[in-house]
């Protein structure tokens, strides 16, 4: 788990354990729910090659829309993908990437707020 300057917590998930799911999901940004220690949080989920970083492998990174007091490295994280935000894209600068992640997280927060009663 990494705390980043976007005020969200991100979890890089092991793509080897997600092969069947990765074949279904096209590269892009999704919204939905993450379940950690039995508690449900809104999340944004990035699936793809992270073209800004030229990743050679398909990766999965969940951004949990919550501030945590402690990290959750090594914990089991369940994710439920419930909506598509946008296709994966590359950016000309880190600032453009950060702005896109912030916009994705805003869209996910709005989606989660609208659907929170369905938890």
C-alpha atoms as a PDB file:
ATOM      1  CA  UNK A   1       0.000   0.000   0.000  1.00  0.00           C
ATOM      2  CA  UNK A   2       1.270   3.403  -0.887  1.00  0.00           C
ATOM      3  CA  UNK A   3       0.102   6.743   0.456  1.00  0.00           C
ATOM      4  CA  UNK A   4       0.383   9.283  -2.298  1.00  0.00           C
ATOM      5  CA  UNK A   5      -0.074  13.012  -2.564  1.00  0.00           C
ATOM      6  CA  UNK A   6      -3.546  12.526  -4.060  1.00  0.00           C
ATOM      7  CA  UNK A   7      -4.967  11.857  -0.598  1.00  0.00           C
ATOM      8  CA  UNK A   8      -6.074   8.382  -1.546  1.00  0.00           C
ATOM      9  CA  UNK A   9      -4.534   5.082  -0.613  1.00  0.00           C
ATOM     10  CA  UNK A  10      -3.531   2.823  -3.453  1.00  0.00           C
ATOM     11  CA  UNK A  11      -3.013  -0.903  -3.502  1.00  0.00           C
ATOM     12  CA  UNK A  12      -1.066  -2.571  -6.268  1.00  0.00           C
ATOM     13  CA  UNK A  13      -2.680  -5.942  -6.789  1.00  0.00           C
ATOM     14  CA  UNK A  14      -0.888  -9.066  -8.014  1.00  0.00           C
ATOM     15  CA  UNK A  15      -1.910  -9.511 -11.673  1.00  0.00           C
ATOM     16  CA  UNK A  16      -0.810 -13.173 -11.602  1.00  0.00           C
ATOM     17  CA  UNK A  17      -3.664 -13.887  -9.168  1.00  0.00           C
ATOM     18  CA  UNK A  18      -6.166 -11.996 -11.324  1.00  0.00           C
ATOM     19  CA  UNK A  19      -5.571 -13.477 -14.773  1.00  0.00           C
ATOM     20  CA  UNK A  20      -9.163 -14.601 -15.411  1.00  0.00           C
ATOM     21  CA  UNK A  21     -10.556 -11.235 -14.341  1.00  0.00           C
ATOM     22  CA  UNK A  22      -7.950  -9.308 -16.336  1.00  0.00           C
ATOM     23  CA  UNK A  23      -8.996 -11.097 -19.499  1.00  0.00           C
ATOM     24  CA  UNK A  24     -12.544  -9.784 -19.031  1.00  0.00           C
ATOM     25  CA  UNK A  25     -11.703  -6.159 -18.182  1.00  0.00           C
ATOM     26  CA  UNK A  26     -10.463  -3.947 -20.970  1.00  0.00           C
ATOM     27  CA  UNK A  27      -7.745  -1.441 -20.029  1.00  0.00           C
ATOM     28  CA  UNK A  28      -9.199   1.610 -18.369  1.00  0.00           C
ATOM     29  CA  UNK A  29     -10.388   3.228 -15.185  1.00  0.00           C
ATOM     30  CA  UNK A  30     -13.311   1.770 -13.268  1.00  0.00           C
ATOM     31  CA  UNK A  31     -15.292   2.654 -10.154  1.00  0.00           C
ATOM     32  CA  UNK A  32     -16.763   0.411  -7.553  1.00  0.00           C
ATOM     33  CA  UNK A  33     -16.217  -0.866  -4.051  1.00  0.00           C
ATOM     34  CA  UNK A  34     -13.228  -2.198  -2.167  1.00  0.00           C
ATOM     35  CA  UNK A  35     -13.709  -4.381   0.884  1.00  0.00           C
ATOM     36  CA  UNK A  36     -10.924  -4.302   3.442  1.00  0.00           C
ATOM     37  CA  UNK A  37     -11.197  -5.953   6.865  1.00  0.00           C
ATOM     38  CA  UNK A  38     -14.958  -6.298   6.327  1.00  0.00           C
ATOM     39  CA  UNK A  39     -15.511  -2.585   5.644  1.00  0.00           C
ATOM     40  CA  UNK A  40     -16.638  -1.318   2.244  1.00  0.00           C
ATOM     41  CA  UNK A  41     -15.027   1.779   0.696  1.00  0.00           C
ATOM     42  CA  UNK A  42     -15.486   3.535  -2.609  1.00  0.00           C
ATOM     43  CA  UNK A  43     -12.630   3.053  -5.033  1.00  0.00           C
ATOM     44  CA  UNK A  44     -11.200   3.815  -8.429  1.00  0.00           C
ATOM     45  CA  UNK A  45      -9.511   0.920 -10.182  1.00  0.00           C
ATOM     46  CA  UNK A  46      -6.876   1.260 -12.892  1.00  0.00           C
ATOM     47  CA  UNK A  47      -6.462  -1.751 -15.168  1.00  0.00           C
ATOM     48  CA  UNK A  48      -3.872  -1.721 -17.924  1.00  0.00           C
ATOM     49  CA  UNK A  49      -0.292  -1.015 -18.856  1.00  0.00           C
ATOM     50  CA  UNK A  50       0.031   2.464 -17.334  1.00  0.00           C
ATOM     51  CA  UNK A  51       1.380   3.952 -20.567  1.00  0.00           C
ATOM     52  CA  UNK A  52       2.869   6.983 -18.812  1.00  0.00           C
ATOM     53  CA  UNK A  53       5.264   4.572 -17.079  1.00  0.00           C
ATOM     54  CA  UNK A  54       5.648   2.199 -20.066  1.00  0.00           C
ATOM     55  CA  UNK A  55       4.764  -0.873 -17.989  1.00  0.00           C
ATOM     56  CA  UNK A  56       5.483  -4.088 -19.910  1.00  0.00           C
ATOM     57  CA  UNK A  57       2.781  -6.005 -17.993  1.00  0.00           C
ATOM     58  CA  UNK A  58      -0.883  -5.371 -17.368  1.00  0.00           C
ATOM     59  CA  UNK A  59      -1.300  -4.000 -13.846  1.00  0.00           C
ATOM     60  CA  UNK A  60      -4.161  -3.485 -11.430  1.00  0.00           C
ATOM     61  CA  UNK A  61      -4.152  -0.618  -8.934  1.00  0.00           C
ATOM     62  CA  UNK A  62      -7.018   0.196  -6.608  1.00  0.00           C
ATOM     63  CA  UNK A  63      -7.312   3.700  -5.141  1.00  0.00           C
ATOM     64  CA  UNK A  64      -9.363   3.484  -1.943  1.00  0.00           C
ATOM     65  CA  UNK A  65     -11.284   6.683  -1.336  1.00  0.00           C
ATOM     66  CA  UNK A  66     -10.622   6.843   2.386  1.00  0.00           C
ATOM     67  CA  UNK A  67      -7.858   8.059   4.697  1.00  0.00           C
ATOM     68  CA  UNK A  68      -6.348   5.303   6.818  1.00  0.00           C
ATOM     69  CA  UNK A  69      -4.352   5.671  10.034  1.00  0.00           C
ATOM     70  CA  UNK A  70      -2.232   2.598   9.213  1.00  0.00           C
ATOM     71  CA  UNK A  71      -1.180   0.855   6.052  1.00  0.00           C
ATOM     72  CA  UNK A  72      -2.804  -2.360   4.907  1.00  0.00           C
ATOM     73  CA  UNK A  73       0.155  -3.951   3.169  1.00  0.00           C
ATOM     74  CA  UNK A  74      -0.373  -7.706   2.832  1.00  0.00           C
ATOM     75  CA  UNK A  75      -4.076  -7.534   3.729  1.00  0.00           C
ATOM     76  CA  UNK A  76      -6.713  -9.216   1.611  1.00  0.00           C
ATOM     77  CA  UNK A  77      -8.528  -6.678  -0.529  1.00  0.00           C
ATOM     78  CA  UNK A  78     -11.694  -7.559  -2.407  1.00  0.00           C
ATOM     79  CA  UNK A  79     -12.777  -5.301  -5.238  1.00  0.00           C
ATOM     80  CA  UNK A  80     -16.138  -5.105  -6.942  1.00  0.00           C
ATOM     81  CA  UNK A  81     -16.033  -3.360 -10.308  1.00  0.00           C
ATOM     82  CA  UNK A  82     -19.361  -1.671 -10.933  1.00  0.00           C
ATOM     83  CA  UNK A  83     -18.812   1.076 -13.491  1.00  0.00           C
ATOM     84  CA  UNK A  84     -16.495   2.240 -16.273  1.00  0.00           C
ATOM     85  CA  UNK A  85     -15.068   5.767 -16.081  1.00  0.00           C
ATOM     86  CA  UNK A  86     -12.764   6.060 -19.086  1.00  0.00           C
ATOM     87  CA  UNK A  87     -10.299   4.298 -21.347  1.00  0.00           C
ATOM     88  CA  UNK A  88      -6.648   4.081 -20.403  1.00  0.00           C
ATOM     89  CA  UNK A  89      -4.548   6.887 -21.849  1.00  0.00           C
ATOM     90  CA  UNK A  90      -1.063   8.313 -21.700  1.00  0.00           C
ATOM     91  CA  UNK A  91      -0.159  11.778 -20.495  1.00  0.00           C
ATOM     92  CA  UNK A  92       2.458  14.332 -21.472  1.00  0.00           C
ATOM     93  CA  UNK A  93       3.447  15.095 -17.888  1.00  0.00           C
ATOM     94  CA  UNK A  94       3.122  13.858 -14.344  1.00  0.00           C
ATOM     95  CA  UNK A  95       0.892  16.859 -13.597  1.00  0.00           C
ATOM     96  CA  UNK A  96      -1.538  15.743 -16.328  1.00  0.00           C
ATOM     97  CA  UNK A  97      -1.548  12.210 -14.891  1.00  0.00           C
ATOM     98  CA  UNK A  98      -2.223  13.514 -11.371  1.00  0.00           C
ATOM     99  CA  UNK A  99      -5.076  15.706 -12.644  1.00  0.00           C
ATOM    100  CA  UNK A 100      -6.631  12.711 -14.412  1.00  0.00           C
ATOM    101  CA  UNK A 101      -6.349  10.539 -11.286  1.00  0.00           C
ATOM    102  CA  UNK A 102      -7.978  13.281  -9.223  1.00  0.00           C
ATOM    103  CA  UNK A 103     -10.811  13.546 -11.767  1.00  0.00           C
ATOM    104  CA  UNK A 104     -11.205   9.741 -11.756  1.00  0.00           C
ATOM    105  CA  UNK A 105     -11.376   9.716  -7.959  1.00  0.00           C
ATOM    106  CA  UNK A 106     -13.952  12.518  -8.017  1.00  0.00           C
ATOM    107  CA  UNK A 107     -16.096  10.525 -10.471  1.00  0.00           C
ATOM    108  CA  UNK A 108     -15.734   7.426  -8.274  1.00  0.00           C
ATOM    109  CA  UNK A 109     -16.689   9.361  -5.134  1.00  0.00           C
ATOM    110  CA  UNK A 110     -19.796  10.677  -6.882  1.00  0.00           C
ATOM    111  CA  UNK A 111     -20.724   7.182  -8.060  1.00  0.00           C
ATOM    112  CA  UNK A 112     -20.125   5.652  -4.616  1.00  0.00           C
ATOM    113  CA  UNK A 113     -22.110   8.407  -2.887  1.00  0.00           C
ATOM    114  CA  UNK A 114     -25.050   7.808  -5.219  1.00  0.00           C
ATOM    115  CA  UNK A 115     -24.933   4.019  -4.673  1.00  0.00           C
ATOM    116  CA  UNK A 116     -23.807   3.766  -1.053  1.00  0.00           C
ATOM    117  CA  UNK A 117     -27.213   2.619   0.167  1.00  0.00           C
ATOM    118  CA  UNK A 118     -26.789  -0.487  -2.021  1.00  0.00           C
ATOM    119  CA  UNK A 119     -23.838  -1.738   0.070  1.00  0.00           C
END
